[in-house]
């Protein structure tokens, strides 16, 4: 009987330790939304380009033209938007560096793959 109790307690300890190593069920974890998930090109990004960039970078103006998604995406794919807006000291727009909230919106959009949404 004593041997049975020792065996039963060892068996129950091994089950407890095994289930603890598995961790939480990923299907039951509540996923929190990221503020960047709500950023869209048409609602957030294009208005920044229209108000801050197209003044100079429009058809017939300075290169590159930045007036629509296709033209902007070409610059994104070449790394120029990230380099000019996010990474380096920016001399654009001519009035000075973009406000941090606009830079953060563009960064979120770039990090999401610069979708046309």
PDB file of N, CA and C in Angstrom:
ATOM      1  N   UNK A   1       0.821  -1.185   0.000  1.00  0.00           N
ATOM      2  CA  UNK A   1       0.000   0.000   0.000  1.00  0.00           C
ATOM      3  C   UNK A   1       0.876   1.264   0.000  1.00  0.00           C
ATOM      4  N   UNK A   2       1.930   1.263   0.812  1.00  0.00           N
ATOM      5  CA  UNK A   2       2.826   2.391   0.893  1.00  0.00           C
ATOM      6  C   UNK A   2       3.501   2.611  -0.461  1.00  0.00           C
ATOM      7  N   UNK A   3       3.894   1.528  -1.116  1.00  0.00           N
ATOM      8  CA  UNK A   3       4.521   1.604  -2.430  1.00  0.00           C
ATOM      9  C   UNK A   3       3.550   2.195  -3.460  1.00  0.00           C
ATOM     10  N   UNK A   4       2.274   1.823  -3.348  1.00  0.00           N
ATOM     11  CA  UNK A   4       1.257   2.340  -4.254  1.00  0.00           C
ATOM     12  C   UNK A   4       1.102   3.859  -4.085  1.00  0.00           C
ATOM     13  N   UNK A   5       1.089   4.359  -2.846  1.00  0.00           N
ATOM     14  CA  UNK A   5       0.950   5.793  -2.584  1.00  0.00           C
ATOM     15  C   UNK A   5       2.148   6.573  -3.129  1.00  0.00           C
ATOM     16  N   UNK A   6       3.342   6.015  -2.970  1.00  0.00           N
ATOM     17  CA  UNK A   6       4.538   6.676  -3.503  1.00  0.00           C
ATOM     18  C   UNK A   6       4.456   6.741  -5.021  1.00  0.00           C
ATOM     19  N   UNK A   7       4.075   5.637  -5.639  1.00  0.00           N
ATOM     20  CA  UNK A   7       3.960   5.581  -7.097  1.00  0.00           C
ATOM     21  C   UNK A   7       2.894   6.566  -7.599  1.00  0.00           C
ATOM     22  N   UNK A   8       1.760   6.622  -6.921  1.00  0.00           N
ATOM     23  CA  UNK A   8       0.666   7.509  -7.333  1.00  0.00           C
ATOM     24  C   UNK A   8       1.070   8.973  -7.204  1.00  0.00           C
ATOM     25  N   UNK A   9       1.764   9.322  -6.124  1.00  0.00           N
ATOM     26  CA  UNK A   9       2.171  10.711  -5.957  1.00  0.00           C
ATOM     27  C   UNK A   9       3.230  11.107  -6.992  1.00  0.00           C
ATOM     28  N   UNK A  10       4.149  10.217  -7.307  1.00  0.00           N
ATOM     29  CA  UNK A  10       5.158  10.512  -8.326  1.00  0.00           C
ATOM     30  C   UNK A  10       4.500  10.674  -9.692  1.00  0.00           C
ATOM     31  N   UNK A  11       3.522   9.843  -9.967  1.00  0.00           N
ATOM     32  CA  UNK A  11       2.816   9.922 -11.234  1.00  0.00           C
ATOM     33  C   UNK A  11       2.052  11.248 -11.359  1.00  0.00           C
ATOM     34  N   UNK A  12       1.391  11.670 -10.284  1.00  0.00           N
ATOM     35  CA  UNK A  12       0.640  12.931 -10.341  1.00  0.00           C
ATOM     36  C   UNK A  12       1.577  14.128 -10.472  1.00  0.00           C
ATOM     37  N   UNK A  13       2.742  14.089  -9.850  1.00  0.00           N
ATOM     38  CA  UNK A  13       3.724  15.173  -9.981  1.00  0.00           C
ATOM     39  C   UNK A  13       4.218  15.265 -11.414  1.00  0.00           C
ATOM     40  N   UNK A  14       4.443  14.136 -12.045  1.00  0.00           N
ATOM     41  CA  UNK A  14       4.942  14.157 -13.426  1.00  0.00           C
ATOM     42  C   UNK A  14       3.900  14.737 -14.373  1.00  0.00           C
ATOM     43  N   UNK A  15       2.606  14.473 -14.142  1.00  0.00           N
ATOM     44  CA  UNK A  15       1.566  15.051 -14.985  1.00  0.00           C
ATOM     45  C   UNK A  15       1.481  16.560 -14.807  1.00  0.00           C
ATOM     46  N   UNK A  16       1.602  17.023 -13.578  1.00  0.00           N
ATOM     47  CA  UNK A  16       1.531  18.456 -13.301  1.00  0.00           C
ATOM     48  C   UNK A  16       2.700  19.174 -13.955  1.00  0.00           C
ATOM     49  N   UNK A  17       3.889  18.607 -13.840  1.00  0.00           N
ATOM     50  CA  UNK A  17       5.050  19.277 -14.418  1.00  0.00           C
ATOM     51  C   UNK A  17       5.001  19.257 -15.942  1.00  0.00           C
ATOM     52  N   UNK A  18       4.445  18.236 -16.536  1.00  0.00           N
ATOM     53  CA  UNK A  18       4.360  18.183 -17.997  1.00  0.00           C
ATOM     54  C   UNK A  18       3.374  19.211 -18.540  1.00  0.00           C
ATOM     55  N   UNK A  19       2.248  19.356 -17.895  1.00  0.00           N
ATOM     56  CA  UNK A  19       1.275  20.316 -18.402  1.00  0.00           C
ATOM     57  C   UNK A  19       1.756  21.744 -18.211  1.00  0.00           C
ATOM     58  N   UNK A  20       2.565  21.974 -17.195  1.00  0.00           N
ATOM     59  CA  UNK A  20       3.087  23.312 -16.962  1.00  0.00           C
ATOM     60  C   UNK A  20       4.047  23.723 -18.076  1.00  0.00           C
ATOM     61  N   UNK A  21       4.786  22.778 -18.659  1.00  0.00           N
ATOM     62  CA  UNK A  21       5.754  23.074 -19.697  1.00  0.00           C
ATOM     63  C   UNK A  21       5.103  23.411 -21.039  1.00  0.00           C
ATOM     64  N   UNK A  22       3.875  23.033 -21.222  1.00  0.00           N
ATOM     65  CA  UNK A  22       3.207  23.246 -22.503  1.00  0.00           C
ATOM     66  C   UNK A  22       2.923  24.728 -22.730  1.00  0.00           C
ATOM     67  N   UNK A  23       2.518  25.424 -21.717  1.00  0.00           N
ATOM     68  CA  UNK A  23       2.217  26.844 -21.862  1.00  0.00           C
ATOM     69  C   UNK A  23       0.772  27.066 -22.246  1.00  0.00           C
ATOM     70  N   UNK A  24       0.386  28.322 -22.419  1.00  0.00           N
ATOM     71  CA  UNK A  24      -1.007  28.630 -22.731  1.00  0.00           C
ATOM     72  C   UNK A  24      -1.367  28.219 -24.154  1.00  0.00           C
ATOM     73  N   UNK A  25      -2.608  27.913 -24.321  1.00  0.00           N
ATOM     74  CA  UNK A  25      -3.124  27.562 -25.640  1.00  0.00           C
ATOM     75  C   UNK A  25      -3.153  28.834 -26.483  1.00  0.00           C
ATOM     76  N   UNK A  26      -2.386  28.884 -27.594  1.00  0.00           N
ATOM     77  CA  UNK A  26      -2.339  30.124 -28.389  1.00  0.00           C
ATOM     78  C   UNK A  26      -3.692  30.531 -28.952  1.00  0.00           C
ATOM     79  N   UNK A  27      -4.615  29.587 -29.099  1.00  0.00           N
ATOM     80  CA  UNK A  27      -5.943  29.931 -29.613  1.00  0.00           C
ATOM     81  C   UNK A  27      -6.773  30.693 -28.588  1.00  0.00           C
ATOM     82  N   UNK A  28      -6.384  30.600 -27.296  1.00  0.00           N
ATOM     83  CA  UNK A  28      -7.149  31.251 -26.246  1.00  0.00           C
ATOM     84  C   UNK A  28      -6.560  32.591 -25.817  1.00  0.00           C
ATOM     85  N   UNK A  29      -5.412  32.944 -26.370  1.00  0.00           N
ATOM     86  CA  UNK A  29      -4.777  34.208 -26.023  1.00  0.00           C
ATOM     87  C   UNK A  29      -5.507  35.348 -26.730  1.00  0.00           C
ATOM     88  N   UNK A  30      -5.879  36.354 -25.977  1.00  0.00           N
ATOM     89  CA  UNK A  30      -6.563  37.512 -26.545  1.00  0.00           C
ATOM     90  C   UNK A  30      -5.526  38.372 -27.254  1.00  0.00           C
ATOM     91  N   UNK A  31      -5.770  38.631 -28.510  1.00  0.00           N
ATOM     92  CA  UNK A  31      -4.847  39.447 -29.296  1.00  0.00           C
ATOM     93  C   UNK A  31      -5.266  40.899 -29.186  1.00  0.00           C
ATOM     94  N   UNK A  32      -4.311  41.741 -28.815  1.00  0.00           N
ATOM     95  CA  UNK A  32      -4.605  43.163 -28.727  1.00  0.00           C
ATOM     96  C   UNK A  32      -4.304  43.812 -30.070  1.00  0.00           C
ATOM     97  N   UNK A  33      -5.065  44.805 -30.409  1.00  0.00           N
ATOM     98  CA  UNK A  33      -4.834  45.467 -31.688  1.00  0.00           C
ATOM     99  C   UNK A  33      -3.700  46.472 -31.540  1.00  0.00           C
ATOM    100  N   UNK A  34      -3.037  46.682 -32.617  1.00  0.00           N
ATOM    101  CA  UNK A  34      -1.938  47.623 -32.664  1.00  0.00           C
ATOM    102  C   UNK A  34      -2.476  48.914 -33.263  1.00  0.00           C
ATOM    103  N   UNK A  35      -2.052  50.037 -32.733  1.00  0.00           N
ATOM    104  CA  UNK A  35      -2.523  51.329 -33.255  1.00  0.00           C
ATOM    105  C   UNK A  35      -2.202  51.466 -34.738  1.00  0.00           C
ATOM    106  N   UNK A  36      -1.128  50.833 -35.182  1.00  0.00           N
ATOM    107  CA  UNK A  36      -0.745  50.912 -36.597  1.00  0.00           C
ATOM    108  C   UNK A  36      -1.719  50.148 -37.501  1.00  0.00           C
ATOM    109  N   UNK A  37      -2.498  49.241 -36.922  1.00  0.00           N
ATOM    110  CA  UNK A  37      -3.438  48.455 -37.728  1.00  0.00           C
ATOM    111  C   UNK A  37      -4.504  49.314 -38.392  1.00  0.00           C
ATOM    112  N   UNK A  38      -4.739  50.489 -37.868  1.00  0.00           N
ATOM    113  CA  UNK A  38      -5.817  51.324 -38.400  1.00  0.00           C
ATOM    114  C   UNK A  38      -5.336  52.354 -39.421  1.00  0.00           C
ATOM    115  N   UNK A  39      -4.034  52.410 -39.679  1.00  0.00           N
ATOM    116  CA  UNK A  39      -3.478  53.394 -40.611  1.00  0.00           C
ATOM    117  C   UNK A  39      -3.774  52.956 -42.045  1.00  0.00           C
ATOM    118  N   UNK A  40      -4.340  53.861 -42.824  1.00  0.00           N
ATOM    119  CA  UNK A  40      -4.586  53.562 -44.236  1.00  0.00           C
ATOM    120  C   UNK A  40      -3.923  54.622 -45.109  1.00  0.00           C
ATOM    121  N   UNK A  41      -3.602  54.227 -46.317  1.00  0.00           N
ATOM    122  CA  UNK A  41      -2.980  55.163 -47.250  1.00  0.00           C
ATOM    123  C   UNK A  41      -3.914  56.327 -47.564  1.00  0.00           C
ATOM    124  N   UNK A  42      -5.155  56.005 -47.928  1.00  0.00           N
ATOM    125  CA  UNK A  42      -6.060  57.060 -48.383  1.00  0.00           C
ATOM    126  C   UNK A  42      -6.485  58.004 -47.256  1.00  0.00           C
ATOM    127  N   UNK A  43      -6.664  57.491 -46.057  1.00  0.00           N
ATOM    128  CA  UNK A  43      -7.153  58.323 -44.956  1.00  0.00           C
ATOM    129  C   UNK A  43      -6.036  59.062 -44.221  1.00  0.00           C
ATOM    130  N   UNK A  44      -4.856  58.444 -44.111  1.00  0.00           N
ATOM    131  CA  UNK A  44      -3.801  59.026 -43.274  1.00  0.00           C
ATOM    132  C   UNK A  44      -2.558  59.483 -44.046  1.00  0.00           C
ATOM    133  N   UNK A  45      -2.089  58.654 -44.957  1.00  0.00           N
ATOM    134  CA  UNK A  45      -0.797  58.913 -45.599  1.00  0.00           C
ATOM    135  C   UNK A  45      -0.915  59.900 -46.761  1.00  0.00           C
ATOM    136  N   UNK A  46      -1.840  59.660 -47.671  1.00  0.00           N
ATOM    137  CA  UNK A  46      -1.989  60.559 -48.822  1.00  0.00           C
ATOM    138  C   UNK A  46      -2.246  62.010 -48.400  1.00  0.00           C
ATOM    139  N   UNK A  47      -3.073  62.262 -47.388  1.00  0.00           N
ATOM    140  CA  UNK A  47      -3.251  63.658 -46.968  1.00  0.00           C
ATOM    141  C   UNK A  47      -1.945  64.322 -46.496  1.00  0.00           C
ATOM    142  N   UNK A  48      -1.059  63.558 -45.877  1.00  0.00           N
ATOM    143  CA  UNK A  48       0.235  64.123 -45.472  1.00  0.00           C
ATOM    144  C   UNK A  48       1.031  64.508 -46.710  1.00  0.00           C
ATOM    145  N   UNK A  49       1.105  63.594 -47.670  1.00  0.00           N
ATOM    146  CA  UNK A  49       1.845  63.891 -48.903  1.00  0.00           C
ATOM    147  C   UNK A  49       1.210  65.061 -49.645  1.00  0.00           C
ATOM    148  N   UNK A  50      -0.117  65.090 -49.683  1.00  0.00           N
ATOM    149  CA  UNK A  50      -0.795  66.188 -50.383  1.00  0.00           C
ATOM    150  C   UNK A  50      -0.545  67.538 -49.723  1.00  0.00           C
ATOM    151  N   UNK A  51      -0.525  67.571 -48.405  1.00  0.00           N
ATOM    152  CA  UNK A  51      -0.357  68.859 -47.721  1.00  0.00           C
ATOM    153  C   UNK A  51       1.102  69.258 -47.538  1.00  0.00           C
ATOM    154  N   UNK A  52       2.008  68.289 -47.452  1.00  0.00           N
ATOM    155  CA  UNK A  52       3.399  68.612 -47.119  1.00  0.00           C
ATOM    156  C   UNK A  52       4.397  68.400 -48.261  1.00  0.00           C
ATOM    157  N   UNK A  53       4.077  67.537 -49.217  1.00  0.00           N
ATOM    158  CA  UNK A  53       5.073  67.163 -50.232  1.00  0.00           C
ATOM    159  C   UNK A  53       4.723  67.623 -51.641  1.00  0.00           C
ATOM    160  N   UNK A  54       3.441  67.511 -51.979  1.00  0.00           N
ATOM    161  CA  UNK A  54       3.014  67.807 -53.347  1.00  0.00           C
ATOM    162  C   UNK A  54       3.188  69.283 -53.678  1.00  0.00           C
ATOM    163  N   UNK A  55       3.333  70.119 -52.677  1.00  0.00           N
ATOM    164  CA  UNK A  55       3.590  71.546 -52.911  1.00  0.00           C
ATOM    165  C   UNK A  55       4.779  71.696 -53.864  1.00  0.00           C
ATOM    166  N   UNK A  56       5.797  70.877 -53.651  1.00  0.00           N
ATOM    167  CA  UNK A  56       6.990  70.915 -54.510  1.00  0.00           C
ATOM    168  C   UNK A  56       7.062  69.712 -55.455  1.00  0.00           C
ATOM    169  N   UNK A  57       6.659  68.543 -54.955  1.00  0.00           N
ATOM    170  CA  UNK A  57       6.822  67.293 -55.713  1.00  0.00           C
ATOM    171  C   UNK A  57       5.533  66.937 -56.460  1.00  0.00           C
ATOM    172  N   UNK A  58       5.193  67.782 -57.432  1.00  0.00           N
ATOM    173  CA  UNK A  58       4.011  67.526 -58.264  1.00  0.00           C
ATOM    174  C   UNK A  58       4.444  67.486 -59.723  1.00  0.00           C
ATOM    175  N   UNK A  59       3.491  67.176 -60.602  1.00  0.00           N
ATOM    176  CA  UNK A  59       3.802  67.145 -62.031  1.00  0.00           C
ATOM    177  C   UNK A  59       4.354  68.510 -62.446  1.00  0.00           C
ATOM    178  N   UNK A  60       5.503  68.495 -63.085  1.00  0.00           N
ATOM    179  CA  UNK A  60       6.137  69.732 -63.515  1.00  0.00           C
ATOM    180  C   UNK A  60       6.976  70.385 -62.422  1.00  0.00           C
ATOM    181  N   UNK A  61       6.950  69.813 -61.224  1.00  0.00           N
ATOM    182  CA  UNK A  61       7.729  70.360 -60.113  1.00  0.00           C
ATOM    183  C   UNK A  61       9.005  69.549 -59.930  1.00  0.00           C
ATOM    184  N   UNK A  62       9.475  69.532 -58.713  1.00  0.00           N
ATOM    185  CA  UNK A  62      10.700  68.796 -58.394  1.00  0.00           C
ATOM    186  C   UNK A  62      10.470  67.297 -58.476  1.00  0.00           C
ATOM    187  N   UNK A  63      11.509  66.581 -58.868  1.00  0.00           N
ATOM    188  CA  UNK A  63      11.468  65.124 -58.852  1.00  0.00           C
ATOM    189  C   UNK A  63      11.831  64.633 -57.470  1.00  0.00           C
ATOM    190  N   UNK A  64      11.270  63.550 -57.021  1.00  0.00           N
ATOM    191  CA  UNK A  64      10.232  62.751 -57.676  1.00  0.00           C
ATOM    192  C   UNK A  64       8.837  63.340 -57.430  1.00  0.00           C
ATOM    193  N   UNK A  65       7.944  63.029 -58.333  1.00  0.00           N
ATOM    194  CA  UNK A  65       6.552  63.419 -58.140  1.00  0.00           C
ATOM    195  C   UNK A  65       5.945  62.503 -57.082  1.00  0.00           C
ATOM    196  N   UNK A  66       5.204  63.066 -56.150  1.00  0.00           N
ATOM    197  CA  UNK A  66       4.640  62.298 -55.028  1.00  0.00           C
ATOM    198  C   UNK A  66       3.142  62.542 -54.879  1.00  0.00           C
ATOM    199  N   UNK A  67       2.431  62.496 -55.991  1.00  0.00           N
ATOM    200  CA  UNK A  67       1.023  62.879 -55.950  1.00  0.00           C
ATOM    201  C   UNK A  67       0.035  61.716 -55.908  1.00  0.00           C
ATOM    202  N   UNK A  68       0.500  60.477 -56.052  1.00  0.00           N
ATOM    203  CA  UNK A  68      -0.420  59.344 -55.979  1.00  0.00           C
ATOM    204  C   UNK A  68       0.297  58.104 -55.460  1.00  0.00           C
ATOM    205  N   UNK A  69      -0.474  57.060 -55.188  1.00  0.00           N
ATOM    206  CA  UNK A  69       0.086  55.852 -54.571  1.00  0.00           C
ATOM    207  C   UNK A  69       1.216  55.255 -55.395  1.00  0.00           C
ATOM    208  N   UNK A  70       1.022  55.103 -56.691  1.00  0.00           N
ATOM    209  CA  UNK A  70       2.027  54.456 -57.543  1.00  0.00           C
ATOM    210  C   UNK A  70       3.361  55.200 -57.492  1.00  0.00           C
ATOM    211  N   UNK A  71       3.304  56.513 -57.569  1.00  0.00           N
ATOM    212  CA  UNK A  71       4.530  57.316 -57.535  1.00  0.00           C
ATOM    213  C   UNK A  71       5.201  57.273 -56.160  1.00  0.00           C
ATOM    214  N   UNK A  72       4.403  57.321 -55.118  1.00  0.00           N
ATOM    215  CA  UNK A  72       4.935  57.249 -53.761  1.00  0.00           C
ATOM    216  C   UNK A  72       5.521  55.866 -53.499  1.00  0.00           C
ATOM    217  N   UNK A  73       4.806  54.826 -53.929  1.00  0.00           N
ATOM    218  CA  UNK A  73       5.266  53.446 -53.690  1.00  0.00           C
ATOM    219  C   UNK A  73       6.591  53.184 -54.390  1.00  0.00           C
ATOM    220  N   UNK A  74       6.802  53.773 -55.544  1.00  0.00           N
ATOM    221  CA  UNK A  74       8.097  53.645 -56.228  1.00  0.00           C
ATOM    222  C   UNK A  74       9.213  54.172 -55.330  1.00  0.00           C
ATOM    223  N   UNK A  75       8.975  55.277 -54.675  1.00  0.00           N
ATOM    224  CA  UNK A  75       9.971  55.859 -53.768  1.00  0.00           C
ATOM    225  C   UNK A  75      10.123  55.018 -52.494  1.00  0.00           C
ATOM    226  N   UNK A  76       9.018  54.444 -52.032  1.00  0.00           N
ATOM    227  CA  UNK A  76       9.072  53.543 -50.869  1.00  0.00           C
ATOM    228  C   UNK A  76       9.930  52.332 -51.200  1.00  0.00           C
ATOM    229  N   UNK A  77       9.670  51.712 -52.350  1.00  0.00           N
ATOM    230  CA  UNK A  77      10.406  50.509 -52.745  1.00  0.00           C
ATOM    231  C   UNK A  77      11.898  50.777 -52.914  1.00  0.00           C
ATOM    232  N   UNK A  78      12.252  51.974 -53.310  1.00  0.00           N
ATOM    233  CA  UNK A  78      13.652  52.335 -53.444  1.00  0.00           C
ATOM    234  C   UNK A  78      14.289  52.770 -52.126  1.00  0.00           C
ATOM    235  N   UNK A  79      13.506  52.781 -51.041  1.00  0.00           N
ATOM    236  CA  UNK A  79      14.015  53.148 -49.728  1.00  0.00           C
ATOM    237  C   UNK A  79      14.123  54.637 -49.484  1.00  0.00           C
ATOM    238  N   UNK A  80      13.670  55.440 -50.427  1.00  0.00           N
ATOM    239  CA  UNK A  80      13.856  56.884 -50.317  1.00  0.00           C
ATOM    240  C   UNK A  80      12.934  57.542 -49.289  1.00  0.00           C
ATOM    241  N   UNK A  81      11.698  57.069 -49.194  1.00  0.00           N
ATOM    242  CA  UNK A  81      10.776  57.671 -48.228  1.00  0.00           C
ATOM    243  C   UNK A  81      11.273  57.407 -46.809  1.00  0.00           C
ATOM    244  N   UNK A  82      11.666  56.187 -46.528  1.00  0.00           N
ATOM    245  CA  UNK A  82      12.181  55.853 -45.193  1.00  0.00           C
ATOM    246  C   UNK A  82      13.437  56.663 -44.892  1.00  0.00           C
ATOM    247  N   UNK A  83      14.333  56.745 -45.862  1.00  0.00           N
ATOM    248  CA  UNK A  83      15.585  57.477 -45.653  1.00  0.00           C
ATOM    249  C   UNK A  83      15.338  58.962 -45.413  1.00  0.00           C
ATOM    250  N   UNK A  84      14.411  59.541 -46.156  1.00  0.00           N
ATOM    251  CA  UNK A  84      14.170  60.991 -46.060  1.00  0.00           C
ATOM    252  C   UNK A  84      13.275  61.371 -44.886  1.00  0.00           C
ATOM    253  N   UNK A  85      12.274  60.527 -44.605  1.00  0.00           N
ATOM    254  CA  UNK A  85      11.276  60.905 -43.604  1.00  0.00           C
ATOM    255  C   UNK A  85      11.587  60.323 -42.223  1.00  0.00           C
ATOM    256  N   UNK A  86      12.034  59.066 -42.185  1.00  0.00           N
ATOM    257  CA  UNK A  86      12.184  58.373 -40.903  1.00  0.00           C
ATOM    258  C   UNK A  86      13.624  58.414 -40.387  1.00  0.00           C
ATOM    259  N   UNK A  87      14.581  58.031 -41.224  1.00  0.00           N
ATOM    260  CA  UNK A  87      15.947  57.796 -40.757  1.00  0.00           C
ATOM    261  C   UNK A  87      16.818  59.041 -40.604  1.00  0.00           C
ATOM    262  N   UNK A  88      16.811  59.860 -41.597  1.00  0.00           N
ATOM    263  CA  UNK A  88      17.807  60.920 -41.607  1.00  0.00           C
ATOM    264  C   UNK A  88      17.280  62.267 -41.208  1.00  0.00           C
ATOM    265  N   UNK A  89      18.194  63.192 -41.069  1.00  0.00           N
ATOM    266  CA  UNK A  89      17.719  64.563 -40.855  1.00  0.00           C
ATOM    267  C   UNK A  89      17.011  65.013 -42.125  1.00  0.00           C
ATOM    268  N   UNK A  90      15.820  65.464 -41.970  1.00  0.00           N
ATOM    269  CA  UNK A  90      15.012  65.805 -43.138  1.00  0.00           C
ATOM    270  C   UNK A  90      14.971  67.311 -43.338  1.00  0.00           C
ATOM    271  N   UNK A  91      15.140  67.688 -44.578  1.00  0.00           N
ATOM    272  CA  UNK A  91      15.028  69.093 -44.939  1.00  0.00           C
ATOM    273  C   UNK A  91      13.709  69.321 -45.667  1.00  0.00           C
ATOM    274  N   UNK A  92      12.857  68.311 -45.616  1.00  0.00           N
ATOM    275  CA  UNK A  92      11.571  68.403 -46.282  1.00  0.00           C
ATOM    276  C   UNK A  92      10.478  68.120 -45.279  1.00  0.00           C
ATOM    277  N   UNK A  93       9.421  68.816 -45.360  1.00  0.00           N
ATOM    278  CA  UNK A  93       9.118  69.856 -46.335  1.00  0.00           C
ATOM    279  C   UNK A  93       9.993  71.093 -46.129  1.00  0.00           C
ATOM    280  N   UNK A  94       9.872  72.004 -47.030  1.00  0.00           N
ATOM    281  CA  UNK A  94      10.699  73.217 -46.984  1.00  0.00           C
ATOM    282  C   UNK A  94      10.513  73.981 -45.672  1.00  0.00           C
ATOM    283  N   UNK A  95       9.341  73.829 -45.073  1.00  0.00           N
ATOM    284  CA  UNK A  95       9.070  74.517 -43.809  1.00  0.00           C
ATOM    285  C   UNK A  95       9.783  73.859 -42.625  1.00  0.00           C
ATOM    286  N   UNK A  96      10.390  72.711 -42.834  1.00  0.00           N
ATOM    287  CA  UNK A  96      11.094  72.003 -41.767  1.00  0.00           C
ATOM    288  C   UNK A  96      10.633  70.568 -41.657  1.00  0.00           C
ATOM    289  N   UNK A  97      11.130  69.890 -40.668  1.00  0.00           N
ATOM    290  CA  UNK A  97      10.804  68.475 -40.447  1.00  0.00           C
ATOM    291  C   UNK A  97       9.308  68.291 -40.205  1.00  0.00           C
ATOM    292  N   UNK A  98       8.788  67.147 -40.689  1.00  0.00           N
ATOM    293  CA  UNK A  98       7.391  66.820 -40.423  1.00  0.00           C
ATOM    294  C   UNK A  98       7.178  66.669 -38.921  1.00  0.00           C
ATOM    295  N   UNK A  99       5.981  66.951 -38.442  1.00  0.00           N
ATOM    296  CA  UNK A  99       5.684  66.718 -37.024  1.00  0.00           C
ATOM    297  C   UNK A  99       5.804  65.219 -36.690  1.00  0.00           C
ATOM    298  N   UNK A 100       6.159  64.922 -35.459  1.00  0.00           N
ATOM    299  CA  UNK A 100       6.356  63.530 -35.036  1.00  0.00           C
ATOM    300  C   UNK A 100       5.133  62.663 -35.282  1.00  0.00           C
ATOM    301  N   UNK A 101       3.931  63.193 -35.074  1.00  0.00           N
ATOM    302  CA  UNK A 101       2.740  62.376 -35.290  1.00  0.00           C
ATOM    303  C   UNK A 101       2.616  61.953 -36.752  1.00  0.00           C
ATOM    304  N   UNK A 102       2.988  62.817 -37.690  1.00  0.00           N
ATOM    305  CA  UNK A 102       2.942  62.458 -39.109  1.00  0.00           C
ATOM    306  C   UNK A 102       4.057  61.468 -39.445  1.00  0.00           C
ATOM    307  N   UNK A 103       5.219  61.665 -38.871  1.00  0.00           N
ATOM    308  CA  UNK A 103       6.329  60.725 -39.086  1.00  0.00           C
ATOM    309  C   UNK A 103       5.938  59.346 -38.570  1.00  0.00           C
ATOM    310  N   UNK A 104       5.299  59.297 -37.404  1.00  0.00           N
ATOM    311  CA  UNK A 104       4.875  58.013 -36.841  1.00  0.00           C
ATOM    312  C   UNK A 104       3.827  57.326 -37.704  1.00  0.00           C
ATOM    313  N   UNK A 105       2.916  58.087 -38.278  1.00  0.00           N
ATOM    314  CA  UNK A 105       1.922  57.500 -39.189  1.00  0.00           C
ATOM    315  C   UNK A 105       2.605  56.888 -40.408  1.00  0.00           C
ATOM    316  N   UNK A 106       3.548  57.615 -40.982  1.00  0.00           N
ATOM    317  CA  UNK A 106       4.262  57.111 -42.159  1.00  0.00           C
ATOM    318  C   UNK A 106       5.082  55.877 -41.787  1.00  0.00           C
ATOM    319  N   UNK A 107       5.712  55.891 -40.621  1.00  0.00           N
ATOM    320  CA  UNK A 107       6.493  54.733 -40.170  1.00  0.00           C
ATOM    321  C   UNK A 107       5.597  53.509 -40.021  1.00  0.00           C
ATOM    322  N   UNK A 108       4.450  53.668 -39.401  1.00  0.00           N
ATOM    323  CA  UNK A 108       3.502  52.552 -39.262  1.00  0.00           C
ATOM    324  C   UNK A 108       3.113  51.997 -40.628  1.00  0.00           C
ATOM    325  N   UNK A 109       2.815  52.886 -41.535  1.00  0.00           N
ATOM    326  CA  UNK A 109       2.408  52.484 -42.881  1.00  0.00           C
ATOM    327  C   UNK A 109       3.542  51.750 -43.589  1.00  0.00           C
ATOM    328  N   UNK A 110       4.758  52.255 -43.471  1.00  0.00           N
ATOM    329  CA  UNK A 110       5.904  51.586 -44.082  1.00  0.00           C
ATOM    330  C   UNK A 110       6.141  50.208 -43.458  1.00  0.00           C
ATOM    331  N   UNK A 111       6.047  50.136 -42.123  1.00  0.00           N
ATOM    332  CA  UNK A 111       6.250  48.866 -41.427  1.00  0.00           C
ATOM    333  C   UNK A 111       5.203  47.818 -41.814  1.00  0.00           C
ATOM    334  N   UNK A 112       4.039  48.284 -42.216  1.00  0.00           N
ATOM    335  CA  UNK A 112       2.966  47.370 -42.651  1.00  0.00           C
ATOM    336  C   UNK A 112       3.141  46.949 -44.110  1.00  0.00           C
ATOM    337  N   UNK A 113       4.188  47.430 -44.767  1.00  0.00           N
ATOM    338  CA  UNK A 113       4.414  47.075 -46.169  1.00  0.00           C
ATOM    339  C   UNK A 113       3.899  48.110 -47.148  1.00  0.00           C
ATOM    340  N   UNK A 114       3.529  49.273 -46.663  1.00  0.00           N
ATOM    341  CA  UNK A 114       3.041  50.373 -47.503  1.00  0.00           C
ATOM    342  C   UNK A 114       1.872  49.929 -48.398  1.00  0.00           C
ATOM    343  N   UNK A 115       0.801  49.405 -47.777  1.00  0.00           N
ATOM    344  CA  UNK A 115      -0.325  48.928 -48.590  1.00  0.00           C
ATOM    345  C   UNK A 115      -1.125  50.062 -49.216  1.00  0.00           C
ATOM    346  N   UNK A 116      -1.761  49.755 -50.325  1.00  0.00           N
ATOM    347  CA  UNK A 116      -2.630  50.716 -50.999  1.00  0.00           C
ATOM    348  C   UNK A 116      -4.050  50.475 -50.477  1.00  0.00           C
ATOM    349  N   UNK A 117      -4.315  50.997 -49.298  1.00  0.00           N
ATOM    350  CA  UNK A 117      -5.625  50.776 -48.668  1.00  0.00           C
ATOM    351  C   UNK A 117      -6.289  52.093 -48.324  1.00  0.00           C
TER     352      UNK A 117
END
